[in-house]
Amino acid sequence: MRIIKKYSNRRMYDTTTSKPITLRGIAELISRGEEVKVVDHETGEDITPLTLAQIIMEQERGAIGAGSAKLLLSELIKKGRERVKEFVEKSMLLAVDAIALTGERVRELIDEHVKKGRITREEGERIFETITKRIEESRKVLREEIRSVIKEVIEEMEIPSREEVREIKEKIDSLNRKLSLLLDALKKMGEE
């Protein structure tokens, strides 16, 4: 586990590398899968949750504005520790459901948040662009996965392609014509 010490002047120091580190640096460590513990240099108190909240605020501020980061953290506080898991699960399910959203519905949801003062109109526009872009990307990925699964099923079931079906139909039609000619010839021979 990486231990980071935070000093009273707000500077942080990575004890593993013996170098100063920023919030962005801590975020990069975490994204690489490293475990990080931030402690107050004077008291030894574990202040990791506070530091993680600061990182989230910084990331959200850069991505879609401080208003949504404030909303996220407010919701986490309101829900309490025991309900954080439920909140995250619902957020994930909403993200999955977002694939089914239309641009019109996204616009309605954003307008509702603007009217309630949760976000500004500019933030709403950025969110709208981000969400609609991600929805379209998700739809593309989903379509490709569906095509891939269908192709695998067809190959496993040995279902013929359209071209193969067309060729079979042509052969059957040709055989039917030959059979009709043969039956006509037999019928004439039987009449004579």
N, C-alpha and C. Protein backbone atom coordinates (compact mmCIF):
# COMPACT_ATOMS: atom_id res chain seq x y z
N MET A 1 0.83 -1.18 0.00
CA MET A 1 0.00 0.00 0.00
C MET A 1 0.88 1.24 0.00
N ARG A 2 0.52 2.19 -0.84
CA ARG A 2 1.25 3.44 -0.97
C ARG A 2 0.77 4.39 0.12
N ILE A 3 1.68 4.91 0.94
CA ILE A 3 1.33 5.86 2.00
C ILE A 3 1.69 7.27 1.53
N ILE A 4 0.70 8.15 1.59
CA ILE A 4 0.89 9.54 1.21
C ILE A 4 0.69 10.38 2.47
N LYS A 5 1.63 11.24 2.76
CA LYS A 5 1.49 12.13 3.92
C LYS A 5 1.06 13.51 3.43
N LYS A 6 0.07 14.07 4.15
CA LYS A 6 -0.40 15.41 3.80
C LYS A 6 0.03 16.36 4.91
N TYR A 7 0.66 17.45 4.52
CA TYR A 7 1.16 18.43 5.47
C TYR A 7 0.17 19.57 5.64
N SER A 8 0.37 20.38 6.68
CA SER A 8 -0.54 21.48 6.99
C SER A 8 -0.58 22.53 5.88
N ASN A 9 0.44 22.62 5.06
CA ASN A 9 0.45 23.57 3.95
C ASN A 9 -0.25 22.99 2.70
N ARG A 10 -0.96 21.88 2.85
CA ARG A 10 -1.74 21.19 1.82
C ARG A 10 -0.88 20.41 0.83
N ARG A 11 0.41 20.41 1.00
CA ARG A 11 1.28 19.62 0.12
C ARG A 11 1.25 18.17 0.56
N MET A 12 1.43 17.30 -0.43
CA MET A 12 1.42 15.86 -0.13
C MET A 12 2.75 15.25 -0.57
N TYR A 13 3.13 14.18 0.13
CA TYR A 13 4.44 13.57 -0.06
C TYR A 13 4.27 12.05 -0.14
N ASP A 14 4.72 11.45 -1.24
CA ASP A 14 4.66 10.00 -1.43
C ASP A 14 5.84 9.37 -0.71
N THR A 15 5.57 8.59 0.34
CA THR A 15 6.65 8.01 1.13
C THR A 15 7.39 6.89 0.39
N THR A 16 6.75 6.31 -0.62
CA THR A 16 7.39 5.24 -1.38
C THR A 16 8.48 5.78 -2.31
N THR A 17 8.15 6.88 -2.99
CA THR A 17 9.12 7.45 -3.94
C THR A 17 9.93 8.58 -3.33
N SER A 18 9.55 8.99 -2.13
CA SER A 18 10.19 10.12 -1.45
C SER A 18 10.12 11.40 -2.29
N LYS A 19 8.95 11.60 -2.91
CA LYS A 19 8.74 12.78 -3.76
C LYS A 19 7.36 13.39 -3.47
N PRO A 20 7.21 14.68 -3.76
CA PRO A 20 5.89 15.30 -3.65
C PRO A 20 4.92 14.68 -4.66
N ILE A 21 3.63 14.73 -4.36
CA ILE A 21 2.61 14.17 -5.26
C ILE A 21 1.38 15.06 -5.23
N THR A 22 0.66 15.11 -6.34
CA THR A 22 -0.55 15.92 -6.45
C THR A 22 -1.79 15.03 -6.40
N LEU A 23 -2.96 15.66 -6.36
CA LEU A 23 -4.20 14.89 -6.42
C LEU A 23 -4.26 14.08 -7.72
N ARG A 24 -3.84 14.70 -8.82
CA ARG A 24 -3.82 14.00 -10.11
C ARG A 24 -2.90 12.79 -10.05
N GLY A 25 -1.76 12.94 -9.39
CA GLY A 25 -0.83 11.82 -9.24
C GLY A 25 -1.44 10.68 -8.45
N ILE A 26 -2.17 11.02 -7.39
CA ILE A 26 -2.85 9.99 -6.59
C ILE A 26 -3.91 9.28 -7.44
N ALA A 27 -4.66 10.07 -8.22
CA ALA A 27 -5.69 9.49 -9.10
C ALA A 27 -5.06 8.52 -10.09
N GLU A 28 -3.90 8.86 -10.63
CA GLU A 28 -3.21 7.98 -11.57
C GLU A 28 -2.77 6.68 -10.89
N LEU A 29 -2.28 6.78 -9.65
CA LEU A 29 -1.90 5.56 -8.90
C LEU A 29 -3.11 4.65 -8.74
N ILE A 30 -4.23 5.23 -8.33
CA ILE A 30 -5.45 4.45 -8.10
C ILE A 30 -5.93 3.83 -9.40
N SER A 31 -5.89 4.60 -10.50
CA SER A 31 -6.36 4.06 -11.79
C SER A 31 -5.48 2.92 -12.27
N ARG A 32 -4.22 2.89 -11.83
CA ARG A 32 -3.32 1.77 -12.18
C ARG A 32 -3.53 0.57 -11.26
N GLY A 33 -4.42 0.72 -10.27
CA GLY A 33 -4.73 -0.40 -9.39
C GLY A 33 -3.97 -0.42 -8.08
N GLU A 34 -3.22 0.63 -7.81
CA GLU A 34 -2.48 0.67 -6.55
C GLU A 34 -3.39 1.10 -5.41
N GLU A 35 -3.15 0.53 -4.24
CA GLU A 35 -3.88 0.95 -3.05
C GLU A 35 -3.14 2.12 -2.43
N VAL A 36 -3.92 3.12 -2.05
CA VAL A 36 -3.33 4.35 -1.52
C VAL A 36 -3.98 4.68 -0.19
N LYS A 37 -3.15 5.12 0.76
CA LYS A 37 -3.65 5.60 2.05
C LYS A 37 -3.03 6.97 2.28
N VAL A 38 -3.91 7.95 2.54
CA VAL A 38 -3.44 9.30 2.79
C VAL A 38 -3.61 9.58 4.28
N VAL A 39 -2.53 10.02 4.92
CA VAL A 39 -2.58 10.31 6.36
C VAL A 39 -2.14 11.74 6.62
N ASP A 40 -2.73 12.33 7.65
CA ASP A 40 -2.33 13.67 8.08
C ASP A 40 -0.98 13.55 8.77
N HIS A 41 -0.01 14.33 8.33
CA HIS A 41 1.35 14.23 8.85
C HIS A 41 1.41 14.51 10.35
N GLU A 42 0.64 15.49 10.84
CA GLU A 42 0.71 15.86 12.25
C GLU A 42 -0.02 14.88 13.16
N THR A 43 -1.24 14.46 12.75
CA THR A 43 -2.06 13.63 13.64
C THR A 43 -1.99 12.14 13.34
N GLY A 44 -1.57 11.80 12.12
CA GLY A 44 -1.54 10.39 11.71
C GLY A 44 -2.92 9.88 11.32
N GLU A 45 -3.91 10.77 11.32
CA GLU A 45 -5.29 10.40 10.98
C GLU A 45 -5.38 10.00 9.50
N ASP A 46 -6.18 8.94 9.23
CA ASP A 46 -6.41 8.50 7.86
C ASP A 46 -7.39 9.47 7.21
N ILE A 47 -6.92 10.21 6.22
CA ILE A 47 -7.78 11.18 5.53
C ILE A 47 -7.98 10.77 4.06
N THR A 48 -7.88 9.47 3.80
CA THR A 48 -8.06 8.96 2.44
C THR A 48 -9.43 9.32 1.88
N PRO A 49 -10.54 9.09 2.62
CA PRO A 49 -11.86 9.43 2.04
C PRO A 49 -11.98 10.90 1.62
N LEU A 50 -11.45 11.79 2.45
CA LEU A 50 -11.49 13.22 2.12
C LEU A 50 -10.69 13.50 0.85
N THR A 51 -9.54 12.88 0.72
CA THR A 51 -8.69 13.08 -0.45
C THR A 51 -9.37 12.53 -1.69
N LEU A 52 -10.00 11.36 -1.57
CA LEU A 52 -10.71 10.77 -2.72
C LEU A 52 -11.86 11.68 -3.16
N ALA A 53 -12.56 12.26 -2.19
CA ALA A 53 -13.63 13.21 -2.52
C ALA A 53 -13.07 14.41 -3.27
N GLN A 54 -11.92 14.89 -2.85
CA GLN A 54 -11.28 16.01 -3.55
C GLN A 54 -10.92 15.62 -4.99
N ILE A 55 -10.43 14.41 -5.15
CA ILE A 55 -10.07 13.93 -6.49
C ILE A 55 -11.31 13.88 -7.37
N ILE A 56 -12.40 13.34 -6.83
CA ILE A 56 -13.66 13.28 -7.59
C ILE A 56 -14.10 14.68 -7.99
N MET A 57 -14.03 15.61 -7.05
CA MET A 57 -14.43 16.99 -7.35
C MET A 57 -13.58 17.56 -8.48
N GLU A 58 -12.28 17.34 -8.42
CA GLU A 58 -11.38 17.86 -9.46
C GLU A 58 -11.69 17.24 -10.82
N GLN A 59 -11.90 15.92 -10.83
CA GLN A 59 -12.18 15.23 -12.09
C GLN A 59 -13.50 15.69 -12.67
N GLU A 60 -14.52 15.80 -11.82
CA GLU A 60 -15.84 16.22 -12.29
C GLU A 60 -15.82 17.67 -12.75
N ARG A 61 -15.10 18.51 -12.05
CA ARG A 61 -15.01 19.92 -12.44
C ARG A 61 -14.46 20.02 -13.85
N GLY A 62 -13.45 19.22 -14.13
CA GLY A 62 -12.85 19.25 -15.46
C GLY A 62 -13.73 18.61 -16.51
N ALA A 63 -14.51 17.61 -16.12
CA ALA A 63 -15.30 16.87 -17.11
C ALA A 63 -16.62 17.56 -17.44
N ILE A 64 -17.44 17.82 -16.42
CA ILE A 64 -18.77 18.35 -16.72
C ILE A 64 -19.21 19.44 -15.77
N GLY A 65 -18.34 19.99 -14.99
CA GLY A 65 -18.69 21.12 -14.15
C GLY A 65 -18.84 20.76 -12.68
N ALA A 66 -18.60 21.73 -11.83
CA ALA A 66 -18.64 21.51 -10.39
C ALA A 66 -20.05 21.21 -9.89
N GLY A 67 -21.06 21.70 -10.61
CA GLY A 67 -22.44 21.48 -10.17
C GLY A 67 -22.78 20.02 -10.06
N SER A 68 -22.38 19.21 -11.05
CA SER A 68 -22.71 17.79 -11.00
C SER A 68 -21.87 17.06 -9.96
N ALA A 69 -20.63 17.49 -9.75
CA ALA A 69 -19.82 16.87 -8.70
C ALA A 69 -20.44 17.15 -7.34
N LYS A 70 -20.91 18.38 -7.15
CA LYS A 70 -21.57 18.74 -5.90
C LYS A 70 -22.82 17.89 -5.72
N LEU A 71 -23.58 17.69 -6.79
CA LEU A 71 -24.78 16.87 -6.73
C LEU A 71 -24.44 15.43 -6.36
N LEU A 72 -23.39 14.88 -6.99
CA LEU A 72 -22.98 13.51 -6.70
C LEU A 72 -22.60 13.35 -5.23
N LEU A 73 -21.76 14.24 -4.74
CA LEU A 73 -21.32 14.14 -3.34
C LEU A 73 -22.48 14.37 -2.39
N SER A 74 -23.37 15.29 -2.71
CA SER A 74 -24.55 15.54 -1.87
C SER A 74 -25.41 14.29 -1.77
N GLU A 75 -25.60 13.62 -2.92
CA GLU A 75 -26.40 12.40 -2.92
C GLU A 75 -25.75 11.32 -2.06
N LEU A 76 -24.43 11.20 -2.17
CA LEU A 76 -23.73 10.19 -1.37
C LEU A 76 -23.90 10.48 0.13
N ILE A 77 -23.83 11.75 0.51
CA ILE A 77 -24.00 12.12 1.92
C ILE A 77 -25.43 11.84 2.37
N LYS A 78 -26.39 12.21 1.54
CA LYS A 78 -27.80 11.98 1.88
C LYS A 78 -28.09 10.49 2.06
N LYS A 79 -27.54 9.68 1.20
CA LYS A 79 -27.84 8.25 1.22
C LYS A 79 -27.21 7.54 2.42
N GLY A 80 -26.12 8.08 2.92
CA GLY A 80 -25.46 7.44 4.05
C GLY A 80 -24.60 6.28 3.60
N ARG A 81 -23.70 5.86 4.48
CA ARG A 81 -22.74 4.81 4.12
C ARG A 81 -23.42 3.51 3.71
N GLU A 82 -24.48 3.12 4.44
CA GLU A 82 -25.10 1.83 4.17
C GLU A 82 -25.82 1.80 2.82
N ARG A 83 -26.12 2.98 2.27
CA ARG A 83 -26.86 3.00 1.02
C ARG A 83 -26.00 3.42 -0.17
N VAL A 84 -24.72 3.62 0.04
CA VAL A 84 -23.85 4.01 -1.06
C VAL A 84 -23.84 2.93 -2.15
N LYS A 85 -23.76 1.67 -1.74
CA LYS A 85 -23.74 0.57 -2.70
C LYS A 85 -25.00 0.59 -3.56
N GLU A 86 -26.13 0.77 -2.90
CA GLU A 86 -27.41 0.84 -3.62
C GLU A 86 -27.41 2.01 -4.60
N PHE A 87 -26.90 3.15 -4.16
CA PHE A 87 -26.84 4.34 -5.02
C PHE A 87 -25.98 4.08 -6.25
N VAL A 88 -24.83 3.44 -6.05
CA VAL A 88 -23.93 3.14 -7.16
C VAL A 88 -24.58 2.15 -8.12
N GLU A 89 -25.23 1.11 -7.57
CA GLU A 89 -25.89 0.12 -8.41
C GLU A 89 -26.98 0.77 -9.26
N LYS A 90 -27.78 1.64 -8.64
CA LYS A 90 -28.84 2.33 -9.39
C LYS A 90 -28.23 3.22 -10.47
N SER A 91 -27.13 3.88 -10.15
CA SER A 91 -26.47 4.73 -11.14
C SER A 91 -25.99 3.90 -12.32
N MET A 92 -25.44 2.71 -12.03
CA MET A 92 -24.97 1.84 -13.10
C MET A 92 -26.14 1.36 -13.95
N LEU A 93 -27.25 0.99 -13.30
CA LEU A 93 -28.43 0.55 -14.06
C LEU A 93 -28.97 1.67 -14.92
N LEU A 94 -28.96 2.89 -14.38
CA LEU A 94 -29.39 4.04 -15.16
C LEU A 94 -28.49 4.24 -16.37
N ALA A 95 -27.21 4.00 -16.18
CA ALA A 95 -26.27 4.14 -17.31
C ALA A 95 -26.58 3.12 -18.39
N VAL A 96 -26.91 1.89 -17.97
CA VAL A 96 -27.28 0.86 -18.93
C VAL A 96 -28.58 1.24 -19.63
N ASP A 97 -29.56 1.72 -18.85
CA ASP A 97 -30.84 2.15 -19.42
C ASP A 97 -30.66 3.33 -20.36
N ALA A 98 -29.60 4.09 -20.19
CA ALA A 98 -29.38 5.27 -21.03
C ALA A 98 -29.25 4.91 -22.50
N ILE A 99 -28.87 3.68 -22.78
CA ILE A 99 -28.77 3.26 -24.18
C ILE A 99 -30.12 3.40 -24.87
N ALA A 100 -31.20 3.18 -24.10
CA ALA A 100 -32.53 3.26 -24.67
C ALA A 100 -33.07 4.70 -24.74
N LEU A 101 -32.36 5.65 -24.15
CA LEU A 101 -32.82 7.03 -24.15
C LEU A 101 -32.79 7.63 -25.55
N THR A 102 -33.73 8.50 -25.79
CA THR A 102 -33.70 9.26 -27.03
C THR A 102 -33.12 10.62 -26.73
N GLY A 103 -32.67 11.31 -27.76
CA GLY A 103 -32.16 12.66 -27.58
C GLY A 103 -33.18 13.57 -26.95
N GLU A 104 -34.44 13.37 -27.30
CA GLU A 104 -35.53 14.19 -26.74
C GLU A 104 -35.67 13.99 -25.24
N ARG A 105 -35.59 12.75 -24.80
CA ARG A 105 -35.73 12.45 -23.36
C ARG A 105 -34.53 12.98 -22.58
N VAL A 106 -33.32 12.87 -23.16
CA VAL A 106 -32.13 13.41 -22.52
C VAL A 106 -32.30 14.91 -22.34
N ARG A 107 -32.80 15.57 -23.40
CA ARG A 107 -33.02 17.02 -23.34
C ARG A 107 -34.01 17.37 -22.23
N GLU A 108 -35.09 16.59 -22.09
CA GLU A 108 -36.08 16.84 -21.04
C GLU A 108 -35.45 16.74 -19.65
N LEU A 109 -34.65 15.69 -19.44
CA LEU A 109 -34.02 15.48 -18.13
C LEU A 109 -33.06 16.62 -17.80
N ILE A 110 -32.30 17.05 -18.79
CA ILE A 110 -31.34 18.14 -18.56
C ILE A 110 -32.09 19.44 -18.28
N ASP A 111 -33.15 19.72 -19.04
CA ASP A 111 -33.93 20.94 -18.82
C ASP A 111 -34.52 20.96 -17.42
N GLU A 112 -34.93 19.79 -16.94
CA GLU A 112 -35.47 19.69 -15.58
C GLU A 112 -34.41 20.09 -14.54
N HIS A 113 -33.18 19.61 -14.73
CA HIS A 113 -32.10 19.95 -13.79
C HIS A 113 -31.72 21.43 -13.88
N VAL A 114 -31.79 21.99 -15.08
CA VAL A 114 -31.49 23.42 -15.25
C VAL A 114 -32.55 24.25 -14.53
N LYS A 115 -33.82 23.88 -14.71
CA LYS A 115 -34.92 24.62 -14.07
C LYS A 115 -34.81 24.58 -12.55
N LYS A 116 -34.35 23.46 -12.01
CA LYS A 116 -34.22 23.32 -10.57
C LYS A 116 -32.92 23.95 -10.04
N GLY A 117 -32.10 24.47 -10.96
CA GLY A 117 -30.87 25.15 -10.56
C GLY A 117 -29.74 24.22 -10.18
N ARG A 118 -29.86 22.95 -10.53
CA ARG A 118 -28.80 21.99 -10.19
C ARG A 118 -27.59 22.16 -11.09
N ILE A 119 -27.84 22.58 -12.34
CA ILE A 119 -26.76 22.81 -13.29
C ILE A 119 -27.11 24.06 -14.10
N THR A 120 -26.08 24.63 -14.73
CA THR A 120 -26.31 25.80 -15.59
C THR A 120 -26.69 25.32 -16.99
N ARG A 121 -27.19 26.23 -17.81
CA ARG A 121 -27.56 25.89 -19.19
C ARG A 121 -26.32 25.41 -19.96
N GLU A 122 -25.17 26.06 -19.73
CA GLU A 122 -23.94 25.66 -20.43
C GLU A 122 -23.52 24.25 -20.02
N GLU A 123 -23.61 23.96 -18.72
CA GLU A 123 -23.28 22.61 -18.25
C GLU A 123 -24.24 21.61 -18.87
N GLY A 124 -25.51 22.00 -18.95
CA GLY A 124 -26.52 21.14 -19.55
C GLY A 124 -26.21 20.80 -20.99
N GLU A 125 -25.74 21.79 -21.74
CA GLU A 125 -25.39 21.56 -23.15
C GLU A 125 -24.20 20.60 -23.25
N ARG A 126 -23.21 20.79 -22.39
CA ARG A 126 -22.04 19.89 -22.41
C ARG A 126 -22.46 18.47 -22.04
N ILE A 127 -23.33 18.37 -21.04
CA ILE A 127 -23.81 17.05 -20.62
C ILE A 127 -24.59 16.40 -21.75
N PHE A 128 -25.46 17.18 -22.40
CA PHE A 128 -26.27 16.65 -23.51
C PHE A 128 -25.38 16.08 -24.61
N GLU A 129 -24.36 16.86 -25.00
CA GLU A 129 -23.44 16.40 -26.04
C GLU A 129 -22.72 15.14 -25.62
N THR A 130 -22.24 15.11 -24.36
CA THR A 130 -21.50 13.95 -23.86
C THR A 130 -22.40 12.72 -23.82
N ILE A 131 -23.61 12.87 -23.28
CA ILE A 131 -24.52 11.72 -23.14
C ILE A 131 -24.94 11.19 -24.50
N THR A 132 -25.35 12.08 -25.41
CA THR A 132 -25.80 11.60 -26.72
C THR A 132 -24.66 10.93 -27.48
N LYS A 133 -23.44 11.45 -27.32
CA LYS A 133 -22.29 10.81 -27.98
C LYS A 133 -22.06 9.42 -27.40
N ARG A 134 -22.11 9.32 -26.07
CA ARG A 134 -21.88 8.02 -25.43
C ARG A 134 -22.99 7.03 -25.75
N ILE A 135 -24.25 7.52 -25.82
CA ILE A 135 -25.36 6.63 -26.17
C ILE A 135 -25.13 6.05 -27.56
N GLU A 136 -24.75 6.90 -28.51
CA GLU A 136 -24.52 6.43 -29.88
C GLU A 136 -23.36 5.43 -29.92
N GLU A 137 -22.29 5.72 -29.16
CA GLU A 137 -21.16 4.79 -29.11
C GLU A 137 -21.59 3.46 -28.51
N SER A 138 -22.41 3.51 -27.45
CA SER A 138 -22.89 2.28 -26.81
C SER A 138 -23.77 1.49 -27.77
N ARG A 139 -24.60 2.20 -28.51
CA ARG A 139 -25.47 1.52 -29.49
C ARG A 139 -24.63 0.84 -30.57
N LYS A 140 -23.58 1.50 -31.03
CA LYS A 140 -22.71 0.91 -32.04
C LYS A 140 -22.06 -0.36 -31.52
N VAL A 141 -21.54 -0.29 -30.28
CA VAL A 141 -20.90 -1.45 -29.67
C VAL A 141 -21.91 -2.58 -29.52
N LEU A 142 -23.13 -2.24 -29.07
CA LEU A 142 -24.17 -3.25 -28.88
C LEU A 142 -24.54 -3.90 -30.22
N ARG A 143 -24.69 -3.08 -31.26
CA ARG A 143 -25.02 -3.64 -32.59
C ARG A 143 -23.93 -4.59 -33.06
N GLU A 144 -22.67 -4.19 -32.88
CA GLU A 144 -21.56 -5.05 -33.30
C GLU A 144 -21.55 -6.36 -32.52
N GLU A 145 -21.81 -6.29 -31.23
CA GLU A 145 -21.84 -7.51 -30.42
C GLU A 145 -22.99 -8.41 -30.85
N ILE A 146 -24.14 -7.82 -31.15
CA ILE A 146 -25.29 -8.61 -31.60
C ILE A 146 -24.95 -9.29 -32.92
N ARG A 147 -24.35 -8.53 -33.85
CA ARG A 147 -23.95 -9.12 -35.14
C ARG A 147 -22.98 -10.28 -34.94
N SER A 148 -22.03 -10.09 -34.04
CA SER A 148 -21.03 -11.11 -33.77
C SER A 148 -21.68 -12.38 -33.23
N VAL A 149 -22.61 -12.20 -32.28
CA VAL A 149 -23.30 -13.36 -31.69
C VAL A 149 -24.14 -14.07 -32.74
N ILE A 150 -24.86 -13.29 -33.55
CA ILE A 150 -25.69 -13.90 -34.60
C ILE A 150 -24.82 -14.68 -35.58
N LYS A 151 -23.68 -14.10 -35.96
CA LYS A 151 -22.77 -14.79 -36.89
C LYS A 151 -22.28 -16.11 -36.30
N GLU A 152 -21.91 -16.08 -35.00
CA GLU A 152 -21.44 -17.31 -34.34
C GLU A 152 -22.54 -18.36 -34.32
N VAL A 153 -23.77 -17.94 -34.00
CA VAL A 153 -24.90 -18.89 -33.93
C VAL A 153 -25.14 -19.50 -35.31
N ILE A 154 -25.13 -18.66 -36.33
CA ILE A 154 -25.35 -19.15 -37.69
C ILE A 154 -24.27 -20.15 -38.08
N GLU A 155 -23.01 -19.82 -37.76
CA GLU A 155 -21.92 -20.73 -38.11
C GLU A 155 -22.04 -22.04 -37.36
N GLU A 156 -22.41 -21.99 -36.08
CA GLU A 156 -22.54 -23.21 -35.28
C GLU A 156 -23.70 -24.06 -35.76
N MET A 157 -24.79 -23.42 -36.19
CA MET A 157 -25.98 -24.16 -36.62
C MET A 157 -25.88 -24.56 -38.09
N GLU A 158 -24.82 -24.12 -38.74
CA GLU A 158 -24.59 -24.41 -40.15
C GLU A 158 -25.78 -23.95 -41.00
N ILE A 159 -26.29 -22.76 -40.69
CA ILE A 159 -27.38 -22.17 -41.46
C ILE A 159 -26.77 -21.59 -42.73
N PRO A 160 -27.35 -21.91 -43.89
CA PRO A 160 -26.78 -21.42 -45.13
C PRO A 160 -26.95 -19.90 -45.28
N SER A 161 -26.03 -19.31 -46.03
CA SER A 161 -26.10 -17.88 -46.30
C SER A 161 -27.19 -17.61 -47.33
N ARG A 162 -27.50 -16.36 -47.58
CA ARG A 162 -28.50 -15.99 -48.60
C ARG A 162 -28.08 -16.50 -49.97
N GLU A 163 -26.80 -16.36 -50.26
CA GLU A 163 -26.29 -16.82 -51.55
C GLU A 163 -26.47 -18.32 -51.70
N GLU A 164 -26.16 -19.06 -50.63
CA GLU A 164 -26.32 -20.52 -50.67
C GLU A 164 -27.79 -20.90 -50.82
N VAL A 165 -28.68 -20.18 -50.15
CA VAL A 165 -30.13 -20.45 -50.26
C VAL A 165 -30.59 -20.17 -51.69
N ARG A 166 -30.09 -19.07 -52.29
CA ARG A 166 -30.46 -18.72 -53.67
C ARG A 166 -30.01 -19.82 -54.63
N GLU A 167 -28.77 -20.32 -54.43
CA GLU A 167 -28.26 -21.38 -55.30
C GLU A 167 -29.09 -22.65 -55.15
N ILE A 168 -29.46 -22.99 -53.92
CA ILE A 168 -30.29 -24.18 -53.67
C ILE A 168 -31.64 -24.02 -54.34
N LYS A 169 -32.23 -22.83 -54.23
CA LYS A 169 -33.54 -22.56 -54.84
C LYS A 169 -33.45 -22.71 -56.36
N GLU A 170 -32.38 -22.19 -56.96
CA GLU A 170 -32.20 -22.32 -58.41
C GLU A 170 -32.09 -23.79 -58.81
N LYS A 171 -31.36 -24.57 -58.01
CA LYS A 171 -31.21 -26.00 -58.31
C LYS A 171 -32.55 -26.72 -58.19
N ILE A 172 -33.32 -26.37 -57.16
CA ILE A 172 -34.64 -27.00 -56.97
C ILE A 172 -35.55 -26.62 -58.13
N ASP A 173 -35.54 -25.34 -58.54
CA ASP A 173 -36.35 -24.92 -59.67
C ASP A 173 -35.95 -25.68 -60.94
N SER A 174 -34.64 -25.84 -61.15
CA SER A 174 -34.15 -26.57 -62.32
C SER A 174 -34.61 -28.03 -62.27
N LEU A 175 -34.49 -28.65 -61.09
CA LEU A 175 -34.94 -30.05 -60.95
C LEU A 175 -36.44 -30.16 -61.16
N ASN A 176 -37.21 -29.19 -60.67
CA ASN A 176 -38.67 -29.20 -60.86
C ASN A 176 -39.01 -29.12 -62.36
N ARG A 177 -38.30 -28.27 -63.12
CA ARG A 177 -38.54 -28.16 -64.56
C ARG A 177 -38.22 -29.49 -65.25
N LYS A 178 -37.07 -30.09 -64.88
CA LYS A 178 -36.69 -31.37 -65.49
C LYS A 178 -37.68 -32.47 -65.12
N LEU A 179 -38.15 -32.46 -63.86
CA LEU A 179 -39.12 -33.46 -63.40
C LEU A 179 -40.44 -33.29 -64.14
N SER A 180 -40.85 -32.05 -64.36
CA SER A 180 -42.10 -31.78 -65.10
C SER A 180 -41.98 -32.29 -66.53
N LEU A 181 -40.81 -32.02 -67.15
CA LEU A 181 -40.59 -32.51 -68.51
C LEU A 181 -40.62 -34.04 -68.55
N LEU A 182 -39.98 -34.66 -67.56
CA LEU A 182 -39.93 -36.12 -67.49
C LEU A 182 -41.33 -36.69 -67.29
N LEU A 183 -42.12 -36.07 -66.39
CA LEU A 183 -43.49 -36.55 -66.14
C LEU A 183 -44.36 -36.37 -67.38
N ASP A 184 -44.18 -35.25 -68.07
CA ASP A 184 -44.94 -35.03 -69.31
C ASP A 184 -44.58 -36.08 -70.35
N ALA A 185 -43.29 -36.42 -70.46
CA ALA A 185 -42.83 -37.41 -71.42
C ALA A 185 -43.39 -38.78 -71.06
N LEU A 186 -43.40 -39.13 -69.78
CA LEU A 186 -43.95 -40.42 -69.34
C LEU A 186 -45.45 -40.49 -69.58
N LYS A 187 -46.11 -39.40 -69.35
CA LYS A 187 -47.56 -39.33 -69.54
C LYS A 187 -47.90 -39.57 -71.02
N LYS A 188 -47.12 -38.94 -71.93
CA LYS A 188 -47.33 -39.10 -73.37
C LYS A 188 -47.07 -40.53 -73.79
N MET A 189 -46.03 -41.14 -73.19
CA MET A 189 -45.70 -42.53 -73.54
C MET A 189 -46.80 -43.45 -73.04
N GLY A 190 -47.44 -43.14 -71.94
CA GLY A 190 -48.51 -43.97 -71.41
C GLY A 190 -49.77 -43.83 -72.23
N GLU A 191 -49.97 -42.72 -72.85
CA GLU A 191 -51.16 -42.48 -73.68
C GLU A 191 -51.03 -43.17 -75.01
N GLU A 192 -49.83 -43.45 -75.47
CA GLU A 192 -49.61 -44.05 -76.80
C GLU A 192 -49.70 -45.50 -76.74
